[in-house]
Amino acid sequence: MTAATSTTTLVTDTPPAKSEAALAHFAGLLALETDCWDVHESLAAGPVDFTLLDVRGKGGFDAGHVSGATHFPHLDMNEESLASYPDTTVFVVYCAGPHCNGADKAAVRLSRLGRPIKKMIGGIEGWKDEGFDLVSS
């Protein structure tokens, strides 16, 4: 038998975080994000406790969006346009996908207005990757 070696791989060259740091990090991500599967399952089970917003332009929304989503471009978000939503409404925003930052821009706008917000990671591309259907306008 040989003695244990102290070599590392590219994965462990930087040691993993302590459990407390990992817990804070991943719990923080879950507080800010949800995924396509969880949104799909929540919509299917209904009723939902969030409002799903498609924050893309009209062309993208009309071409295909998640059934039950409200078209609300991030550029249109302000106190006046949100007045019909109670302050406690949890918004879940999505855009085209990982190559798009529209959902992040919407999250910034909603956060600045004091609104609860989560981003649906993956956006439309993630939705399609999961095999879920889109509806068109």
N, C-alpha and C. Protein backbone atom coordinates (compact mmCIF):
# COMPACT_ATOMS: atom_id res chain seq x y z
N MET A 1 0.84 -1.17 0.00
CA MET A 1 0.00 0.00 0.00
C MET A 1 0.89 1.23 0.00
N THR A 2 0.37 2.26 -0.63
CA THR A 2 1.11 3.51 -0.64
C THR A 2 0.45 4.50 0.29
N ALA A 3 1.22 5.42 0.74
CA ALA A 3 0.68 6.46 1.62
C ALA A 3 -0.23 7.38 0.82
N ALA A 4 -1.20 7.96 1.48
CA ALA A 4 -2.11 8.91 0.83
C ALA A 4 -1.30 10.08 0.27
N THR A 5 -1.67 10.51 -0.89
CA THR A 5 -0.98 11.64 -1.51
C THR A 5 -1.76 12.91 -1.23
N SER A 6 -1.07 14.02 -1.38
CA SER A 6 -1.72 15.30 -1.12
C SER A 6 -1.99 16.05 -2.42
N THR A 7 -2.20 15.32 -3.50
CA THR A 7 -2.48 15.98 -4.76
C THR A 7 -3.93 16.44 -4.80
N THR A 8 -4.16 17.46 -5.58
CA THR A 8 -5.51 17.96 -5.77
C THR A 8 -5.83 17.98 -7.24
N THR A 9 -7.09 18.08 -7.52
CA THR A 9 -7.54 18.24 -8.90
C THR A 9 -7.90 19.70 -9.11
N LEU A 10 -8.27 20.01 -10.33
CA LEU A 10 -8.73 21.37 -10.60
C LEU A 10 -9.98 21.70 -9.78
N VAL A 11 -10.74 20.69 -9.43
CA VAL A 11 -11.95 20.90 -8.63
C VAL A 11 -11.60 21.25 -7.19
N THR A 12 -10.66 20.53 -6.61
CA THR A 12 -10.37 20.72 -5.19
C THR A 12 -9.15 21.58 -4.91
N ASP A 13 -8.54 22.12 -5.98
CA ASP A 13 -7.40 23.00 -5.78
C ASP A 13 -7.80 24.19 -4.89
N THR A 14 -8.99 24.70 -5.11
CA THR A 14 -9.59 25.66 -4.17
C THR A 14 -10.52 24.83 -3.29
N PRO A 15 -10.26 24.74 -2.02
CA PRO A 15 -11.08 23.89 -1.16
C PRO A 15 -12.53 24.36 -1.12
N PRO A 16 -13.45 23.42 -0.92
CA PRO A 16 -14.86 23.82 -0.81
C PRO A 16 -15.08 24.70 0.41
N ALA A 17 -16.12 25.49 0.33
CA ALA A 17 -16.48 26.37 1.45
C ALA A 17 -16.92 25.55 2.64
N LYS A 18 -16.81 26.14 3.80
CA LYS A 18 -17.37 25.51 5.00
C LYS A 18 -18.89 25.43 4.85
N SER A 19 -19.48 24.48 5.52
CA SER A 19 -20.93 24.24 5.38
C SER A 19 -21.75 25.49 5.64
N GLU A 20 -21.37 26.28 6.64
CA GLU A 20 -22.13 27.49 6.97
C GLU A 20 -22.12 28.48 5.81
N ALA A 21 -20.96 28.63 5.16
CA ALA A 21 -20.85 29.55 4.02
C ALA A 21 -21.64 29.02 2.83
N ALA A 22 -21.58 27.71 2.61
CA ALA A 22 -22.34 27.10 1.51
C ALA A 22 -23.84 27.27 1.74
N LEU A 23 -24.28 27.05 2.96
CA LEU A 23 -25.69 27.20 3.28
C LEU A 23 -26.16 28.63 3.01
N ALA A 24 -25.40 29.61 3.47
CA ALA A 24 -25.78 31.01 3.24
C ALA A 24 -25.83 31.32 1.76
N HIS A 25 -24.85 30.85 1.02
CA HIS A 25 -24.79 31.13 -0.42
C HIS A 25 -25.97 30.51 -1.16
N PHE A 26 -26.19 29.21 -0.98
CA PHE A 26 -27.23 28.53 -1.75
C PHE A 26 -28.63 28.91 -1.29
N ALA A 27 -28.81 29.14 -0.01
CA ALA A 27 -30.12 29.62 0.46
C ALA A 27 -30.38 31.01 -0.11
N GLY A 28 -29.33 31.82 -0.21
CA GLY A 28 -29.47 33.15 -0.81
C GLY A 28 -29.88 33.07 -2.27
N LEU A 29 -29.29 32.13 -3.01
CA LEU A 29 -29.68 31.96 -4.41
C LEU A 29 -31.15 31.56 -4.52
N LEU A 30 -31.58 30.64 -3.69
CA LEU A 30 -32.97 30.19 -3.76
C LEU A 30 -33.95 31.29 -3.37
N ALA A 31 -33.51 32.23 -2.56
CA ALA A 31 -34.37 33.36 -2.20
C ALA A 31 -34.53 34.32 -3.38
N LEU A 32 -33.58 34.28 -4.32
CA LEU A 32 -33.59 35.20 -5.45
C LEU A 32 -34.06 34.55 -6.75
N GLU A 33 -33.95 33.25 -6.83
CA GLU A 33 -34.21 32.55 -8.09
C GLU A 33 -35.14 31.37 -7.89
N THR A 34 -35.81 31.02 -8.98
CA THR A 34 -36.57 29.78 -9.07
C THR A 34 -36.26 29.19 -10.43
N ASP A 35 -36.64 27.97 -10.67
CA ASP A 35 -36.33 27.40 -11.98
C ASP A 35 -37.61 27.10 -12.75
N CYS A 36 -37.43 26.77 -14.01
CA CYS A 36 -38.56 26.54 -14.89
C CYS A 36 -39.45 25.40 -14.39
N TRP A 37 -38.82 24.36 -13.87
CA TRP A 37 -39.58 23.21 -13.39
C TRP A 37 -40.51 23.61 -12.25
N ASP A 38 -40.00 24.35 -11.28
CA ASP A 38 -40.82 24.76 -10.15
C ASP A 38 -41.95 25.69 -10.57
N VAL A 39 -41.68 26.58 -11.51
CA VAL A 39 -42.74 27.46 -12.02
C VAL A 39 -43.79 26.63 -12.74
N HIS A 40 -43.36 25.72 -13.60
CA HIS A 40 -44.29 24.87 -14.35
C HIS A 40 -45.18 24.07 -13.40
N GLU A 41 -44.57 23.41 -12.42
CA GLU A 41 -45.33 22.59 -11.48
C GLU A 41 -46.29 23.43 -10.64
N SER A 42 -45.86 24.62 -10.26
CA SER A 42 -46.73 25.51 -9.49
C SER A 42 -47.92 25.96 -10.32
N LEU A 43 -47.67 26.32 -11.58
CA LEU A 43 -48.76 26.74 -12.46
C LEU A 43 -49.74 25.59 -12.69
N ALA A 44 -49.22 24.38 -12.86
CA ALA A 44 -50.07 23.22 -13.12
C ALA A 44 -50.92 22.87 -11.90
N ALA A 45 -50.34 23.02 -10.70
CA ALA A 45 -51.07 22.68 -9.47
C ALA A 45 -52.08 23.75 -9.11
N GLY A 46 -51.74 25.04 -9.38
CA GLY A 46 -52.59 26.18 -9.07
C GLY A 46 -53.32 26.05 -7.75
N PRO A 47 -53.89 27.08 -7.18
CA PRO A 47 -53.60 28.46 -7.58
C PRO A 47 -52.18 28.85 -7.16
N VAL A 48 -51.65 29.84 -7.83
CA VAL A 48 -50.28 30.26 -7.56
C VAL A 48 -50.24 31.44 -6.59
N ASP A 49 -49.12 31.56 -5.93
CA ASP A 49 -48.91 32.64 -4.97
C ASP A 49 -47.89 33.65 -5.49
N PHE A 50 -47.82 33.76 -6.81
CA PHE A 50 -46.90 34.70 -7.46
C PHE A 50 -47.52 35.15 -8.77
N THR A 51 -46.98 36.24 -9.32
CA THR A 51 -47.39 36.72 -10.63
C THR A 51 -46.20 36.56 -11.56
N LEU A 52 -46.40 35.81 -12.63
CA LEU A 52 -45.33 35.53 -13.59
C LEU A 52 -45.32 36.61 -14.66
N LEU A 53 -44.17 37.27 -14.81
CA LEU A 53 -44.04 38.36 -15.78
C LEU A 53 -43.03 38.01 -16.87
N ASP A 54 -43.47 38.10 -18.11
CA ASP A 54 -42.59 38.01 -19.26
C ASP A 54 -42.14 39.44 -19.55
N VAL A 55 -40.86 39.70 -19.37
CA VAL A 55 -40.37 41.08 -19.43
C VAL A 55 -39.74 41.42 -20.77
N ARG A 56 -39.92 40.57 -21.77
CA ARG A 56 -39.36 40.82 -23.10
C ARG A 56 -40.24 41.80 -23.88
N GLY A 57 -39.78 42.15 -25.05
CA GLY A 57 -40.56 43.01 -25.93
C GLY A 57 -41.77 42.27 -26.47
N LYS A 58 -42.67 43.03 -27.11
CA LYS A 58 -43.91 42.47 -27.63
C LYS A 58 -43.69 41.35 -28.64
N GLY A 59 -42.69 41.52 -29.51
CA GLY A 59 -42.44 40.50 -30.53
C GLY A 59 -42.09 39.15 -29.93
N GLY A 60 -41.23 39.16 -28.92
CA GLY A 60 -40.86 37.91 -28.26
C GLY A 60 -42.03 37.28 -27.55
N PHE A 61 -42.80 38.11 -26.84
CA PHE A 61 -43.97 37.61 -26.12
C PHE A 61 -44.97 37.01 -27.10
N ASP A 62 -45.28 37.72 -28.18
CA ASP A 62 -46.26 37.24 -29.15
C ASP A 62 -45.81 35.95 -29.83
N ALA A 63 -44.50 35.79 -30.04
CA ALA A 63 -43.98 34.60 -30.71
C ALA A 63 -44.10 33.36 -29.83
N GLY A 64 -44.02 33.53 -28.52
CA GLY A 64 -44.16 32.38 -27.62
C GLY A 64 -43.82 32.75 -26.20
N HIS A 65 -44.73 32.47 -25.29
CA HIS A 65 -44.53 32.78 -23.87
C HIS A 65 -45.14 31.68 -23.02
N VAL A 66 -44.84 31.72 -21.75
CA VAL A 66 -45.38 30.76 -20.80
C VAL A 66 -46.86 31.06 -20.59
N SER A 67 -47.68 30.04 -20.69
CA SER A 67 -49.11 30.22 -20.46
C SER A 67 -49.32 30.71 -19.03
N GLY A 68 -50.09 31.77 -18.88
CA GLY A 68 -50.34 32.35 -17.56
C GLY A 68 -49.44 33.53 -17.25
N ALA A 69 -48.44 33.78 -18.11
CA ALA A 69 -47.55 34.92 -17.89
C ALA A 69 -48.22 36.20 -18.37
N THR A 70 -47.91 37.28 -17.69
CA THR A 70 -48.37 38.61 -18.07
C THR A 70 -47.23 39.30 -18.80
N HIS A 71 -47.54 39.90 -19.93
CA HIS A 71 -46.52 40.66 -20.65
C HIS A 71 -46.32 42.00 -19.95
N PHE A 72 -45.09 42.23 -19.48
CA PHE A 72 -44.79 43.45 -18.74
C PHE A 72 -43.32 43.79 -18.98
N PRO A 73 -43.01 44.45 -20.10
CA PRO A 73 -41.62 44.77 -20.39
C PRO A 73 -40.96 45.54 -19.24
N HIS A 74 -39.73 45.21 -18.98
CA HIS A 74 -39.04 45.82 -17.84
C HIS A 74 -38.95 47.34 -17.97
N LEU A 75 -38.91 47.86 -19.18
CA LEU A 75 -38.84 49.31 -19.37
C LEU A 75 -40.12 50.03 -18.92
N ASP A 76 -41.21 49.26 -18.82
CA ASP A 76 -42.50 49.86 -18.44
C ASP A 76 -42.78 49.80 -16.94
N MET A 77 -41.86 49.25 -16.17
CA MET A 77 -42.09 49.07 -14.74
C MET A 77 -41.80 50.33 -13.96
N ASN A 78 -42.85 50.83 -13.30
CA ASN A 78 -42.70 51.98 -12.41
C ASN A 78 -43.85 51.93 -11.41
N GLU A 79 -43.85 52.85 -10.46
CA GLU A 79 -44.88 52.83 -9.42
C GLU A 79 -46.28 52.91 -10.01
N GLU A 80 -46.45 53.74 -11.01
CA GLU A 80 -47.77 53.91 -11.62
C GLU A 80 -48.23 52.62 -12.31
N SER A 81 -47.35 51.99 -13.09
CA SER A 81 -47.74 50.78 -13.82
C SER A 81 -47.95 49.58 -12.91
N LEU A 82 -47.39 49.64 -11.70
CA LEU A 82 -47.54 48.54 -10.74
C LEU A 82 -48.65 48.79 -9.72
N ALA A 83 -49.32 49.92 -9.83
CA ALA A 83 -50.31 50.33 -8.82
C ALA A 83 -51.43 49.31 -8.64
N SER A 84 -51.77 48.56 -9.66
CA SER A 84 -52.88 47.60 -9.54
C SER A 84 -52.47 46.32 -8.81
N TYR A 85 -51.18 46.16 -8.53
CA TYR A 85 -50.69 44.97 -7.82
C TYR A 85 -50.47 45.32 -6.35
N PRO A 86 -50.99 44.50 -5.42
CA PRO A 86 -50.70 44.75 -4.01
C PRO A 86 -49.19 44.75 -3.76
N ASP A 87 -48.76 45.52 -2.77
CA ASP A 87 -47.33 45.62 -2.45
C ASP A 87 -46.70 44.29 -2.10
N THR A 88 -47.50 43.33 -1.67
CA THR A 88 -46.98 42.03 -1.26
C THR A 88 -46.91 41.01 -2.41
N THR A 89 -47.34 41.41 -3.61
CA THR A 89 -47.29 40.50 -4.76
C THR A 89 -45.87 40.04 -5.00
N VAL A 90 -45.68 38.72 -5.05
CA VAL A 90 -44.38 38.16 -5.41
C VAL A 90 -44.35 38.05 -6.93
N PHE A 91 -43.38 38.73 -7.53
CA PHE A 91 -43.20 38.68 -8.97
C PHE A 91 -42.11 37.69 -9.32
N VAL A 92 -42.38 36.87 -10.33
CA VAL A 92 -41.37 36.00 -10.92
C VAL A 92 -41.19 36.49 -12.35
N VAL A 93 -39.97 36.87 -12.68
CA VAL A 93 -39.70 37.47 -13.99
C VAL A 93 -38.85 36.52 -14.83
N TYR A 94 -39.07 36.59 -16.14
CA TYR A 94 -38.21 35.85 -17.06
C TYR A 94 -38.06 36.63 -18.35
N CYS A 95 -36.96 36.31 -19.05
CA CYS A 95 -36.71 36.90 -20.37
C CYS A 95 -36.38 35.76 -21.32
N ALA A 96 -35.57 36.02 -22.33
CA ALA A 96 -35.28 35.01 -23.34
C ALA A 96 -34.45 33.85 -22.79
N GLY A 97 -33.49 34.14 -21.94
CA GLY A 97 -32.67 33.06 -21.41
C GLY A 97 -31.34 33.57 -20.90
N PRO A 98 -30.39 32.66 -20.74
CA PRO A 98 -29.10 33.02 -20.13
C PRO A 98 -28.33 34.11 -20.88
N HIS A 99 -28.62 34.27 -22.15
CA HIS A 99 -27.92 35.28 -22.96
C HIS A 99 -28.60 36.65 -22.87
N CYS A 100 -29.64 36.75 -22.07
CA CYS A 100 -30.45 37.97 -21.97
C CYS A 100 -30.43 38.47 -20.53
N ASN A 101 -30.34 39.78 -20.35
CA ASN A 101 -30.36 40.31 -18.98
C ASN A 101 -31.64 41.09 -18.66
N GLY A 102 -32.66 40.91 -19.47
CA GLY A 102 -33.93 41.60 -19.23
C GLY A 102 -34.55 41.24 -17.89
N ALA A 103 -34.46 39.98 -17.48
CA ALA A 103 -35.01 39.59 -16.19
C ALA A 103 -34.25 40.25 -15.05
N ASP A 104 -32.93 40.38 -15.21
CA ASP A 104 -32.13 41.06 -14.19
C ASP A 104 -32.51 42.54 -14.11
N LYS A 105 -32.72 43.16 -15.26
CA LYS A 105 -33.13 44.57 -15.27
C LYS A 105 -34.49 44.74 -14.61
N ALA A 106 -35.41 43.81 -14.89
CA ALA A 106 -36.73 43.86 -14.25
C ALA A 106 -36.60 43.66 -12.75
N ALA A 107 -35.74 42.75 -12.33
CA ALA A 107 -35.55 42.49 -10.90
C ALA A 107 -34.99 43.73 -10.20
N VAL A 108 -34.09 44.44 -10.85
CA VAL A 108 -33.55 45.67 -10.28
C VAL A 108 -34.66 46.70 -10.14
N ARG A 109 -35.44 46.89 -11.19
CA ARG A 109 -36.52 47.89 -11.14
C ARG A 109 -37.52 47.56 -10.04
N LEU A 110 -37.95 46.29 -9.98
CA LEU A 110 -38.93 45.89 -8.97
C LEU A 110 -38.35 46.00 -7.56
N SER A 111 -37.10 45.63 -7.41
CA SER A 111 -36.46 45.74 -6.09
C SER A 111 -36.36 47.19 -5.64
N ARG A 112 -36.03 48.07 -6.56
CA ARG A 112 -35.96 49.50 -6.22
C ARG A 112 -37.30 50.05 -5.79
N LEU A 113 -38.37 49.42 -6.27
CA LEU A 113 -39.72 49.83 -5.90
C LEU A 113 -40.23 49.08 -4.67
N GLY A 114 -39.34 48.29 -4.05
CA GLY A 114 -39.69 47.59 -2.82
C GLY A 114 -40.55 46.37 -3.02
N ARG A 115 -40.54 45.80 -4.23
CA ARG A 115 -41.40 44.66 -4.52
C ARG A 115 -40.64 43.33 -4.36
N PRO A 116 -41.32 42.30 -3.83
CA PRO A 116 -40.71 40.97 -3.73
C PRO A 116 -40.50 40.38 -5.14
N ILE A 117 -39.33 39.81 -5.37
CA ILE A 117 -38.98 39.39 -6.72
C ILE A 117 -38.14 38.12 -6.72
N LYS A 118 -38.40 37.27 -7.70
CA LYS A 118 -37.55 36.12 -8.01
C LYS A 118 -37.39 36.09 -9.53
N LYS A 119 -36.26 35.58 -9.96
CA LYS A 119 -36.00 35.39 -11.39
C LYS A 119 -36.15 33.92 -11.73
N MET A 120 -36.86 33.63 -12.82
CA MET A 120 -36.94 32.27 -13.33
C MET A 120 -35.70 32.03 -14.17
N ILE A 121 -34.75 31.30 -13.60
CA ILE A 121 -33.50 31.07 -14.32
C ILE A 121 -33.76 30.22 -15.56
N GLY A 122 -33.04 30.52 -16.61
CA GLY A 122 -33.20 29.81 -17.87
C GLY A 122 -34.11 30.51 -18.85
N GLY A 123 -35.08 31.27 -18.34
CA GLY A 123 -35.99 32.00 -19.22
C GLY A 123 -36.70 31.10 -20.21
N ILE A 124 -37.05 31.65 -21.33
CA ILE A 124 -37.75 30.90 -22.38
C ILE A 124 -36.93 29.71 -22.86
N GLU A 125 -35.62 29.91 -23.02
CA GLU A 125 -34.77 28.81 -23.49
C GLU A 125 -34.76 27.66 -22.49
N GLY A 126 -34.69 27.99 -21.20
CA GLY A 126 -34.76 26.95 -20.18
C GLY A 126 -36.10 26.24 -20.18
N TRP A 127 -37.16 27.00 -20.38
CA TRP A 127 -38.51 26.45 -20.45
C TRP A 127 -38.60 25.42 -21.57
N LYS A 128 -38.10 25.81 -22.74
CA LYS A 128 -38.12 24.89 -23.89
C LYS A 128 -37.21 23.69 -23.65
N ASP A 129 -36.05 23.91 -23.03
CA ASP A 129 -35.13 22.80 -22.73
C ASP A 129 -35.79 21.76 -21.83
N GLU A 130 -36.69 22.19 -20.96
CA GLU A 130 -37.40 21.26 -20.08
C GLU A 130 -38.51 20.52 -20.83
N GLY A 131 -38.80 20.95 -22.07
CA GLY A 131 -39.84 20.30 -22.86
C GLY A 131 -41.22 20.87 -22.64
N PHE A 132 -41.29 22.03 -22.00
CA PHE A 132 -42.58 22.66 -21.72
C PHE A 132 -43.05 23.47 -22.93
N ASP A 133 -44.35 23.53 -23.10
CA ASP A 133 -44.94 24.24 -24.23
C ASP A 133 -45.01 25.75 -23.98
N LEU A 134 -45.00 26.47 -25.08
CA LEU A 134 -45.24 27.92 -25.09
C LEU A 134 -46.55 28.17 -25.79
N VAL A 135 -47.16 29.29 -25.50
CA VAL A 135 -48.34 29.74 -26.22
C VAL A 135 -47.98 31.02 -26.95
N SER A 136 -48.67 31.29 -28.04
CA SER A 136 -48.41 32.52 -28.78
C SER A 136 -49.64 33.40 -28.75
N SER A 137 -49.41 34.68 -28.97
CA SER A 137 -50.51 35.64 -28.95
C SER A 137 -51.08 35.83 -30.34
